[in-house]
């Protein structure tokens, strides 16, 4: 469903799901070209001038018969990121120009063109539903994708960001939404065909697009500490494996990644 305007598509989907959980199915979506109070990771604001960006939230049911199990749900944001890379390529970008930056950014020519935020929701079913033998709770994950469509240099929030238009890709909000939905449906079918075992194909597909692999990085952890080393792998749960100079391997499941200067003197 495309809305004329919305404070936050993620919040909208979450509210609607909590109000009527039975009415929401996997791959239901809400989008707008005018999100007025969006947020990204760590509560950061995500807003843009009217009509310059696409805010789109996709819903996935979890922990129900035939649906994705919760222990695999962390991969849903990665699945959406991968679908967005395919979208941008179909719209005209070179394949090697579109990359993923762990954990939630899509890069175009080395600059951030989109960010992704996943949120989990669980709702107790009404007493009459429980009495009739249905599950006591319904659970779902909402994945929000914010993509810069036509922002100018002056409108960019930071110098490390970009937009499709600035990179020479002519596509309006409706077209980006249409192509993305086609790809997320196709990619989700692949995930479903694997029995929701993400490591069967998704991990490999993501590693091919992951910009951090093989680079020296600084992993800034939620507890304020950091780890500096080479990013060597993505584990089956989606965490980065960073190897430090002393040969120790560190599993990074949450935090921010900063790419450091490469041995050739350039920045990754």
C-alpha atoms as a PDB file:
ATOM      1  CA  UNK A   1       0.000   0.000   0.000  1.00  0.00           C
ATOM      2  CA  UNK A   2       1.396   3.386  -1.032  1.00  0.00           C
ATOM      3  CA  UNK A   3       0.611   6.237   1.372  1.00  0.00           C
ATOM      4  CA  UNK A   4       0.697   9.920   0.430  1.00  0.00           C
ATOM      5  CA  UNK A   5       2.533  10.696   3.669  1.00  0.00           C
ATOM      6  CA  UNK A   6       3.434   8.830   6.856  1.00  0.00           C
ATOM      7  CA  UNK A   7       5.400   9.670  10.011  1.00  0.00           C
ATOM      8  CA  UNK A   8       7.126   6.251   9.895  1.00  0.00           C
ATOM      9  CA  UNK A   9       6.260   3.249   7.738  1.00  0.00           C
ATOM     10  CA  UNK A  10       7.832   0.866  10.266  1.00  0.00           C
ATOM     11  CA  UNK A  11       5.766   2.349  13.083  1.00  0.00           C
ATOM     12  CA  UNK A  12       2.636   2.269  10.924  1.00  0.00           C
ATOM     13  CA  UNK A  13       3.021  -1.423  10.104  1.00  0.00           C
ATOM     14  CA  UNK A  14       3.814  -2.261  13.724  1.00  0.00           C
ATOM     15  CA  UNK A  15       0.714  -0.424  14.963  1.00  0.00           C
ATOM     16  CA  UNK A  16      -1.549  -2.030  12.358  1.00  0.00           C
ATOM     17  CA  UNK A  17      -0.171  -5.498  13.122  1.00  0.00           C
ATOM     18  CA  UNK A  18      -0.703  -5.077  16.857  1.00  0.00           C
ATOM     19  CA  UNK A  19      -4.279  -3.885  16.231  1.00  0.00           C
ATOM     20  CA  UNK A  20      -5.196  -6.816  13.952  1.00  0.00           C
ATOM     21  CA  UNK A  21      -2.439  -9.449  13.756  1.00  0.00           C
ATOM     22  CA  UNK A  22      -4.518 -11.926  11.738  1.00  0.00           C
ATOM     23  CA  UNK A  23      -4.820  -9.516   8.805  1.00  0.00           C
ATOM     24  CA  UNK A  24      -1.066  -9.281   8.136  1.00  0.00           C
ATOM     25  CA  UNK A  25       0.715 -11.768   5.883  1.00  0.00           C
ATOM     26  CA  UNK A  26       4.328 -12.238   4.855  1.00  0.00           C
ATOM     27  CA  UNK A  27       5.390  -9.703   2.192  1.00  0.00           C
ATOM     28  CA  UNK A  28       2.572  -7.258   2.949  1.00  0.00           C
ATOM     29  CA  UNK A  29       4.042  -3.780   2.601  1.00  0.00           C
ATOM     30  CA  UNK A  30       3.535  -0.063   3.140  1.00  0.00           C
ATOM     31  CA  UNK A  31       5.480   2.716   1.408  1.00  0.00           C
ATOM     32  CA  UNK A  32       5.577   6.479   1.054  1.00  0.00           C
ATOM     33  CA  UNK A  33       7.567   9.197  -0.632  1.00  0.00           C
ATOM     34  CA  UNK A  34       7.024  11.487   2.353  1.00  0.00           C
ATOM     35  CA  UNK A  35       8.181  10.002   5.671  1.00  0.00           C
ATOM     36  CA  UNK A  36       8.196  12.766   8.263  1.00  0.00           C
ATOM     37  CA  UNK A  37       9.469  11.114  11.470  1.00  0.00           C
ATOM     38  CA  UNK A  38      11.449   8.050  10.452  1.00  0.00           C
ATOM     39  CA  UNK A  39      14.269   6.584  12.501  1.00  0.00           C
ATOM     40  CA  UNK A  40      17.252   4.396  11.691  1.00  0.00           C
ATOM     41  CA  UNK A  41      19.588   2.350  13.847  1.00  0.00           C
ATOM     42  CA  UNK A  42      20.333   3.616  17.357  1.00  0.00           C
ATOM     43  CA  UNK A  43      17.368   5.989  17.134  1.00  0.00           C
ATOM     44  CA  UNK A  44      18.958   8.212  14.491  1.00  0.00           C
ATOM     45  CA  UNK A  45      16.522  10.408  12.556  1.00  0.00           C
ATOM     46  CA  UNK A  46      15.781   9.419   8.965  1.00  0.00           C
ATOM     47  CA  UNK A  47      13.873  12.132   7.100  1.00  0.00           C
ATOM     48  CA  UNK A  48      14.142  13.674   3.640  1.00  0.00           C
ATOM     49  CA  UNK A  49      12.398  16.395   1.641  1.00  0.00           C
ATOM     50  CA  UNK A  50       9.023  15.378   0.221  1.00  0.00           C
ATOM     51  CA  UNK A  51       9.262  13.164  -2.841  1.00  0.00           C
ATOM     52  CA  UNK A  52      13.039  12.640  -2.773  1.00  0.00           C
ATOM     53  CA  UNK A  53      13.245   9.268  -1.009  1.00  0.00           C
ATOM     54  CA  UNK A  54      11.329   6.022  -0.737  1.00  0.00           C
ATOM     55  CA  UNK A  55      10.444   4.688   2.701  1.00  0.00           C
ATOM     56  CA  UNK A  56       9.135   1.125   2.428  1.00  0.00           C
ATOM     57  CA  UNK A  57       8.381  -1.432   5.133  1.00  0.00           C
ATOM     58  CA  UNK A  58       7.864  -5.138   4.469  1.00  0.00           C
ATOM     59  CA  UNK A  59       6.192  -7.488   6.953  1.00  0.00           C
ATOM     60  CA  UNK A  60       7.221 -11.122   7.617  1.00  0.00           C
ATOM     61  CA  UNK A  61       5.376 -13.555   9.885  1.00  0.00           C
ATOM     62  CA  UNK A  62       7.675 -15.654  12.070  1.00  0.00           C
ATOM     63  CA  UNK A  63       7.435 -18.697  14.361  1.00  0.00           C
ATOM     64  CA  UNK A  64       4.202 -19.990  12.846  1.00  0.00           C
ATOM     65  CA  UNK A  65       3.577 -23.130  10.748  1.00  0.00           C
ATOM     66  CA  UNK A  66       5.056 -22.613   7.301  1.00  0.00           C
ATOM     67  CA  UNK A  67       6.676 -19.304   8.263  1.00  0.00           C
ATOM     68  CA  UNK A  68      10.286 -18.388   8.963  1.00  0.00           C
ATOM     69  CA  UNK A  69      11.557 -19.484  12.411  1.00  0.00           C
ATOM     70  CA  UNK A  70      12.652 -16.725  14.760  1.00  0.00           C
ATOM     71  CA  UNK A  71      16.243 -18.018  14.948  1.00  0.00           C
ATOM     72  CA  UNK A  72      16.579 -17.230  11.214  1.00  0.00           C
ATOM     73  CA  UNK A  73      14.730 -13.902  11.370  1.00  0.00           C
ATOM     74  CA  UNK A  74      17.904 -11.839  11.788  1.00  0.00           C
ATOM     75  CA  UNK A  75      18.615 -12.583   8.127  1.00  0.00           C
ATOM     76  CA  UNK A  76      15.428 -10.857   6.911  1.00  0.00           C
ATOM     77  CA  UNK A  77      17.012  -7.395   6.872  1.00  0.00           C
ATOM     78  CA  UNK A  78      19.940  -8.872   4.922  1.00  0.00           C
ATOM     79  CA  UNK A  79      17.493 -10.503   2.506  1.00  0.00           C
ATOM     80  CA  UNK A  80      15.872  -7.121   1.862  1.00  0.00           C
ATOM     81  CA  UNK A  81      19.278  -5.477   1.420  1.00  0.00           C
ATOM     82  CA  UNK A  82      20.233  -8.103  -1.147  1.00  0.00           C
ATOM     83  CA  UNK A  83      16.950  -7.559  -3.017  1.00  0.00           C
ATOM     84  CA  UNK A  84      17.645  -3.838  -3.057  1.00  0.00           C
ATOM     85  CA  UNK A  85      21.068  -4.374  -4.614  1.00  0.00           C
ATOM     86  CA  UNK A  86      19.380  -6.369  -7.383  1.00  0.00           C
ATOM     87  CA  UNK A  87      16.831  -3.563  -7.759  1.00  0.00           C
ATOM     88  CA  UNK A  88      19.486  -0.893  -8.213  1.00  0.00           C
ATOM     89  CA  UNK A  89      21.312  -3.053 -10.735  1.00  0.00           C
ATOM     90  CA  UNK A  90      18.109  -3.565 -12.752  1.00  0.00           C
ATOM     91  CA  UNK A  91      17.577   0.187 -12.746  1.00  0.00           C
ATOM     92  CA  UNK A  92      20.941   0.711 -14.401  1.00  0.00           C
ATOM     93  CA  UNK A  93      23.834   0.456 -11.941  1.00  0.00           C
ATOM     94  CA  UNK A  94      26.838  -1.745 -12.694  1.00  0.00           C
ATOM     95  CA  UNK A  95      26.891  -4.896 -10.579  1.00  0.00           C
ATOM     96  CA  UNK A  96      30.282  -4.097  -9.020  1.00  0.00           C
ATOM     97  CA  UNK A  97      29.077  -0.583  -8.086  1.00  0.00           C
ATOM     98  CA  UNK A  98      26.379  -1.854  -5.697  1.00  0.00           C
ATOM     99  CA  UNK A  99      27.645  -3.308  -2.427  1.00  0.00           C
ATOM    100  CA  UNK A 100      26.460  -4.145   1.083  1.00  0.00           C
ATOM    101  CA  UNK A 101      28.088  -2.615   4.152  1.00  0.00           C
ATOM    102  CA  UNK A 102      27.453  -4.684   7.262  1.00  0.00           C
ATOM    103  CA  UNK A 103      25.108  -4.584   9.034  1.00  0.00           C
ATOM    104  CA  UNK A 104      22.445  -2.495   7.293  1.00  0.00           C
ATOM    105  CA  UNK A 105      23.664  -0.178   4.517  1.00  0.00           C
ATOM    106  CA  UNK A 106      23.510  -0.416   0.731  1.00  0.00           C
ATOM    107  CA  UNK A 107      26.341   1.416  -1.044  1.00  0.00           C
ATOM    108  CA  UNK A 108      26.391   2.771  -4.581  1.00  0.00           C
ATOM    109  CA  UNK A 109      29.834   3.717  -5.903  1.00  0.00           C
ATOM    110  CA  UNK A 110      31.118   3.616  -2.338  1.00  0.00           C
ATOM    111  CA  UNK A 111      28.487   5.913  -0.825  1.00  0.00           C
ATOM    112  CA  UNK A 112      25.387   5.093   1.206  1.00  0.00           C
ATOM    113  CA  UNK A 113      22.237   5.115  -0.904  1.00  0.00           C
ATOM    114  CA  UNK A 114      19.968   3.158   1.450  1.00  0.00           C
ATOM    115  CA  UNK A 115      19.645   2.054   5.058  1.00  0.00           C
ATOM    116  CA  UNK A 116      17.660  -0.811   6.559  1.00  0.00           C
ATOM    117  CA  UNK A 117      16.089  -1.323   9.990  1.00  0.00           C
ATOM    118  CA  UNK A 118      14.336  -4.485  11.222  1.00  0.00           C
ATOM    119  CA  UNK A 119      11.983  -4.566  14.214  1.00  0.00           C
ATOM    120  CA  UNK A 120      10.368  -7.558  15.928  1.00  0.00           C
ATOM    121  CA  UNK A 121       6.749  -7.531  17.123  1.00  0.00           C
ATOM    122  CA  UNK A 122       4.800 -10.070  19.176  1.00  0.00           C
ATOM    123  CA  UNK A 123       1.092  -9.778  19.975  1.00  0.00           C
ATOM    124  CA  UNK A 124      -1.040 -11.862  22.332  1.00  0.00           C
ATOM    125  CA  UNK A 125      -4.080 -13.218  20.541  1.00  0.00           C
ATOM    126  CA  UNK A 126      -7.564 -12.489  21.917  1.00  0.00           C
ATOM    127  CA  UNK A 127      -8.884 -14.871  24.570  1.00  0.00           C
ATOM    128  CA  UNK A 128     -11.446 -16.341  22.177  1.00  0.00           C
ATOM    129  CA  UNK A 129      -8.677 -17.251  19.691  1.00  0.00           C
ATOM    130  CA  UNK A 130      -6.702 -19.029  22.388  1.00  0.00           C
ATOM    131  CA  UNK A 131      -9.816 -20.882  23.519  1.00  0.00           C
ATOM    132  CA  UNK A 132     -10.405 -22.112  19.986  1.00  0.00           C
ATOM    133  CA  UNK A 133      -6.966 -23.705  19.912  1.00  0.00           C
ATOM    134  CA  UNK A 134      -5.044 -21.071  17.947  1.00  0.00           C
ATOM    135  CA  UNK A 135      -1.579 -19.897  18.948  1.00  0.00           C
ATOM    136  CA  UNK A 136      -1.368 -17.694  22.037  1.00  0.00           C
ATOM    137  CA  UNK A 137       0.728 -15.095  20.218  1.00  0.00           C
ATOM    138  CA  UNK A 138       1.408 -13.835  16.719  1.00  0.00           C
ATOM    139  CA  UNK A 139       4.887 -12.627  15.857  1.00  0.00           C
ATOM    140  CA  UNK A 140       6.323 -10.724  12.956  1.00  0.00           C
ATOM    141  CA  UNK A 141       9.327  -8.787  11.729  1.00  0.00           C
ATOM    142  CA  UNK A 142       8.989  -5.439   9.980  1.00  0.00           C
ATOM    143  CA  UNK A 143      11.922  -4.501   7.749  1.00  0.00           C
ATOM    144  CA  UNK A 144      12.102  -0.828   6.827  1.00  0.00           C
ATOM    145  CA  UNK A 145      14.110   0.270   3.788  1.00  0.00           C
ATOM    146  CA  UNK A 146      14.929   3.928   3.199  1.00  0.00           C
ATOM    147  CA  UNK A 147      16.333   4.676  -0.268  1.00  0.00           C
ATOM    148  CA  UNK A 148      17.575   8.040  -1.521  1.00  0.00           C
ATOM    149  CA  UNK A 149      15.967   8.568  -4.924  1.00  0.00           C
ATOM    150  CA  UNK A 150      16.445  12.149  -6.107  1.00  0.00           C
ATOM    151  CA  UNK A 151      18.256  13.985  -3.312  1.00  0.00           C
ATOM    152  CA  UNK A 152      20.625  16.688  -4.533  1.00  0.00           C
ATOM    153  CA  UNK A 153      24.120  17.277  -3.116  1.00  0.00           C
ATOM    154  CA  UNK A 154      22.694  20.074  -0.965  1.00  0.00           C
ATOM    155  CA  UNK A 155      19.979  17.804   0.454  1.00  0.00           C
ATOM    156  CA  UNK A 156      22.217  14.906   1.457  1.00  0.00           C
ATOM    157  CA  UNK A 157      22.338  14.352   5.240  1.00  0.00           C
ATOM    158  CA  UNK A 158      26.088  13.543   5.240  1.00  0.00           C
ATOM    159  CA  UNK A 159      28.917  13.757   2.686  1.00  0.00           C
ATOM    160  CA  UNK A 160      29.229   9.952   2.593  1.00  0.00           C
ATOM    161  CA  UNK A 161      25.660   9.573   1.274  1.00  0.00           C
ATOM    162  CA  UNK A 162      24.355   9.679  -2.271  1.00  0.00           C
ATOM    163  CA  UNK A 163      21.143   9.202  -4.241  1.00  0.00           C
ATOM    164  CA  UNK A 164      20.181   7.241  -7.323  1.00  0.00           C
ATOM    165  CA  UNK A 165      19.868  10.476  -9.304  1.00  0.00           C
ATOM    166  CA  UNK A 166      23.335  11.681  -8.293  1.00  0.00           C
ATOM    167  CA  UNK A 167      24.769   8.382  -9.550  1.00  0.00           C
ATOM    168  CA  UNK A 168      23.045   8.754 -12.907  1.00  0.00           C
ATOM    169  CA  UNK A 169      20.076   6.452 -12.305  1.00  0.00           C
ATOM    170  CA  UNK A 170      16.759   7.903 -13.477  1.00  0.00           C
ATOM    171  CA  UNK A 171      13.912   6.228 -11.587  1.00  0.00           C
ATOM    172  CA  UNK A 172      10.978   7.642  -9.666  1.00  0.00           C
ATOM    173  CA  UNK A 173       9.632   6.397  -6.337  1.00  0.00           C
ATOM    174  CA  UNK A 174       6.920   4.224  -7.871  1.00  0.00           C
ATOM    175  CA  UNK A 175       9.380   2.497 -10.205  1.00  0.00           C
ATOM    176  CA  UNK A 176      11.891   1.748  -7.444  1.00  0.00           C
ATOM    177  CA  UNK A 177       9.083   0.379  -5.268  1.00  0.00           C
ATOM    178  CA  UNK A 178       7.772  -1.819  -8.097  1.00  0.00           C
ATOM    179  CA  UNK A 179      11.151  -3.319  -8.966  1.00  0.00           C
ATOM    180  CA  UNK A 180      12.109  -3.890  -5.326  1.00  0.00           C
ATOM    181  CA  UNK A 181       8.851  -5.710  -4.559  1.00  0.00           C
ATOM    182  CA  UNK A 182       9.444  -7.977  -7.546  1.00  0.00           C
ATOM    183  CA  UNK A 183      12.920  -8.877  -6.285  1.00  0.00           C
ATOM    184  CA  UNK A 184      11.979  -9.378  -2.628  1.00  0.00           C
ATOM    185  CA  UNK A 185       9.179 -11.748  -3.687  1.00  0.00           C
ATOM    186  CA  UNK A 186      11.582 -13.734  -5.862  1.00  0.00           C
ATOM    187  CA  UNK A 187      14.330 -13.812  -3.228  1.00  0.00           C
ATOM    188  CA  UNK A 188      11.900 -14.786  -0.480  1.00  0.00           C
ATOM    189  CA  UNK A 189      10.715 -17.710  -2.607  1.00  0.00           C
ATOM    190  CA  UNK A 190      14.345 -18.897  -2.788  1.00  0.00           C
ATOM    191  CA  UNK A 191      14.582 -18.634   0.991  1.00  0.00           C
ATOM    192  CA  UNK A 192      11.309 -20.514   1.370  1.00  0.00           C
ATOM    193  CA  UNK A 193      12.458 -23.238  -1.053  1.00  0.00           C
ATOM    194  CA  UNK A 194      15.553 -23.762   1.103  1.00  0.00           C
ATOM    195  CA  UNK A 195      13.325 -24.570   4.073  1.00  0.00           C
ATOM    196  CA  UNK A 196      14.251 -21.171   5.539  1.00  0.00           C
ATOM    197  CA  UNK A 197      17.825 -22.377   6.039  1.00  0.00           C
ATOM    198  CA  UNK A 198      19.584 -19.131   5.219  1.00  0.00           C
ATOM    199  CA  UNK A 199      23.051 -20.660   4.984  1.00  0.00           C
ATOM    200  CA  UNK A 200      21.950 -22.767   2.005  1.00  0.00           C
ATOM    201  CA  UNK A 201      22.132 -19.822  -0.417  1.00  0.00           C
ATOM    202  CA  UNK A 202      21.635 -16.414   1.238  1.00  0.00           C
ATOM    203  CA  UNK A 203      24.947 -16.339   3.087  1.00  0.00           C
ATOM    204  CA  UNK A 204      26.869 -16.985  -0.141  1.00  0.00           C
ATOM    205  CA  UNK A 205      24.888 -14.374  -2.076  1.00  0.00           C
ATOM    206  CA  UNK A 206      25.477 -11.789   0.638  1.00  0.00           C
ATOM    207  CA  UNK A 207      29.206 -12.531   0.855  1.00  0.00           C
ATOM    208  CA  UNK A 208      29.520 -11.805  -2.874  1.00  0.00           C
ATOM    209  CA  UNK A 209      28.132  -8.313  -2.225  1.00  0.00           C
ATOM    210  CA  UNK A 210      29.720  -7.581   1.159  1.00  0.00           C
ATOM    211  CA  UNK A 211      32.139  -4.683   0.886  1.00  0.00           C
ATOM    212  CA  UNK A 212      33.899  -5.373   4.199  1.00  0.00           C
ATOM    213  CA  UNK A 213      35.333  -8.804   3.400  1.00  0.00           C
ATOM    214  CA  UNK A 214      39.106  -8.733   3.055  1.00  0.00           C
ATOM    215  CA  UNK A 215      39.377  -5.192   4.397  1.00  0.00           C
ATOM    216  CA  UNK A 216      40.868  -3.817   7.592  1.00  0.00           C
ATOM    217  CA  UNK A 217      37.988  -2.573   9.727  1.00  0.00           C
ATOM    218  CA  UNK A 218      37.249  -1.102  13.103  1.00  0.00           C
ATOM    219  CA  UNK A 219      34.208  -2.741  14.698  1.00  0.00           C
ATOM    220  CA  UNK A 220      32.607  -0.327  17.149  1.00  0.00           C
ATOM    221  CA  UNK A 221      30.719  -2.455  19.674  1.00  0.00           C
ATOM    222  CA  UNK A 222      27.577  -1.534  21.658  1.00  0.00           C
ATOM    223  CA  UNK A 223      29.512  -1.615  24.954  1.00  0.00           C
ATOM    224  CA  UNK A 224      31.834   1.168  23.787  1.00  0.00           C
ATOM    225  CA  UNK A 225      34.775  -1.126  22.998  1.00  0.00           C
ATOM    226  CA  UNK A 226      36.175  -1.683  19.537  1.00  0.00           C
ATOM    227  CA  UNK A 227      37.994  -4.394  17.607  1.00  0.00           C
ATOM    228  CA  UNK A 228      40.460  -3.632  14.813  1.00  0.00           C
ATOM    229  CA  UNK A 229      41.425  -6.284  12.320  1.00  0.00           C
ATOM    230  CA  UNK A 230      40.722  -7.884   8.967  1.00  0.00           C
ATOM    231  CA  UNK A 231      37.171  -8.913   8.146  1.00  0.00           C
ATOM    232  CA  UNK A 232      37.622 -12.520   7.010  1.00  0.00           C
ATOM    233  CA  UNK A 233      34.173 -14.112   6.900  1.00  0.00           C
ATOM    234  CA  UNK A 234      30.433 -13.957   7.522  1.00  0.00           C
ATOM    235  CA  UNK A 235      29.314 -16.771   9.807  1.00  0.00           C
ATOM    236  CA  UNK A 236      26.135 -18.866   9.384  1.00  0.00           C
ATOM    237  CA  UNK A 237      24.261 -16.562  11.782  1.00  0.00           C
ATOM    238  CA  UNK A 238      25.170 -13.422   9.841  1.00  0.00           C
ATOM    239  CA  UNK A 239      27.881 -12.176  12.216  1.00  0.00           C
ATOM    240  CA  UNK A 240      31.195 -10.813  10.922  1.00  0.00           C
ATOM    241  CA  UNK A 241      34.400 -12.638  11.771  1.00  0.00           C
ATOM    242  CA  UNK A 242      37.238 -10.164  12.372  1.00  0.00           C
ATOM    243  CA  UNK A 243      40.794 -11.431  12.797  1.00  0.00           C
ATOM    244  CA  UNK A 244      43.097  -9.180  14.823  1.00  0.00           C
ATOM    245  CA  UNK A 245      46.856  -8.809  14.399  1.00  0.00           C
ATOM    246  CA  UNK A 246      47.518 -11.298  17.211  1.00  0.00           C
ATOM    247  CA  UNK A 247      45.678 -14.005  15.274  1.00  0.00           C
ATOM    248  CA  UNK A 248      42.531 -14.028  17.399  1.00  0.00           C
ATOM    249  CA  UNK A 249      39.122 -14.259  15.735  1.00  0.00           C
ATOM    250  CA  UNK A 250      36.280 -12.094  17.008  1.00  0.00           C
ATOM    251  CA  UNK A 251      32.625 -12.694  16.214  1.00  0.00           C
ATOM    252  CA  UNK A 252      30.846  -9.361  15.710  1.00  0.00           C
ATOM    253  CA  UNK A 253      27.072  -9.765  15.926  1.00  0.00           C
ATOM    254  CA  UNK A 254      26.166  -6.130  16.653  1.00  0.00           C
ATOM    255  CA  UNK A 255      27.829  -2.776  16.153  1.00  0.00           C
ATOM    256  CA  UNK A 256      29.063  -0.432  13.446  1.00  0.00           C
ATOM    257  CA  UNK A 257      31.877  -1.141  10.988  1.00  0.00           C
ATOM    258  CA  UNK A 258      34.341   1.512   9.822  1.00  0.00           C
ATOM    259  CA  UNK A 259      36.527   0.708   6.820  1.00  0.00           C
ATOM    260  CA  UNK A 260      40.149   1.684   7.442  1.00  0.00           C
ATOM    261  CA  UNK A 261      42.904   2.757   5.050  1.00  0.00           C
ATOM    262  CA  UNK A 262      44.068  -0.116   2.847  1.00  0.00           C
ATOM    263  CA  UNK A 263      47.656  -1.165   2.422  1.00  0.00           C
ATOM    264  CA  UNK A 264      47.787   0.665  -0.939  1.00  0.00           C
ATOM    265  CA  UNK A 265      46.978   3.946   0.835  1.00  0.00           C
ATOM    266  CA  UNK A 266      43.441   4.285  -0.459  1.00  0.00           C
ATOM    267  CA  UNK A 267      40.236   4.169   1.547  1.00  0.00           C
ATOM    268  CA  UNK A 268      37.819   1.277   1.122  1.00  0.00           C
END
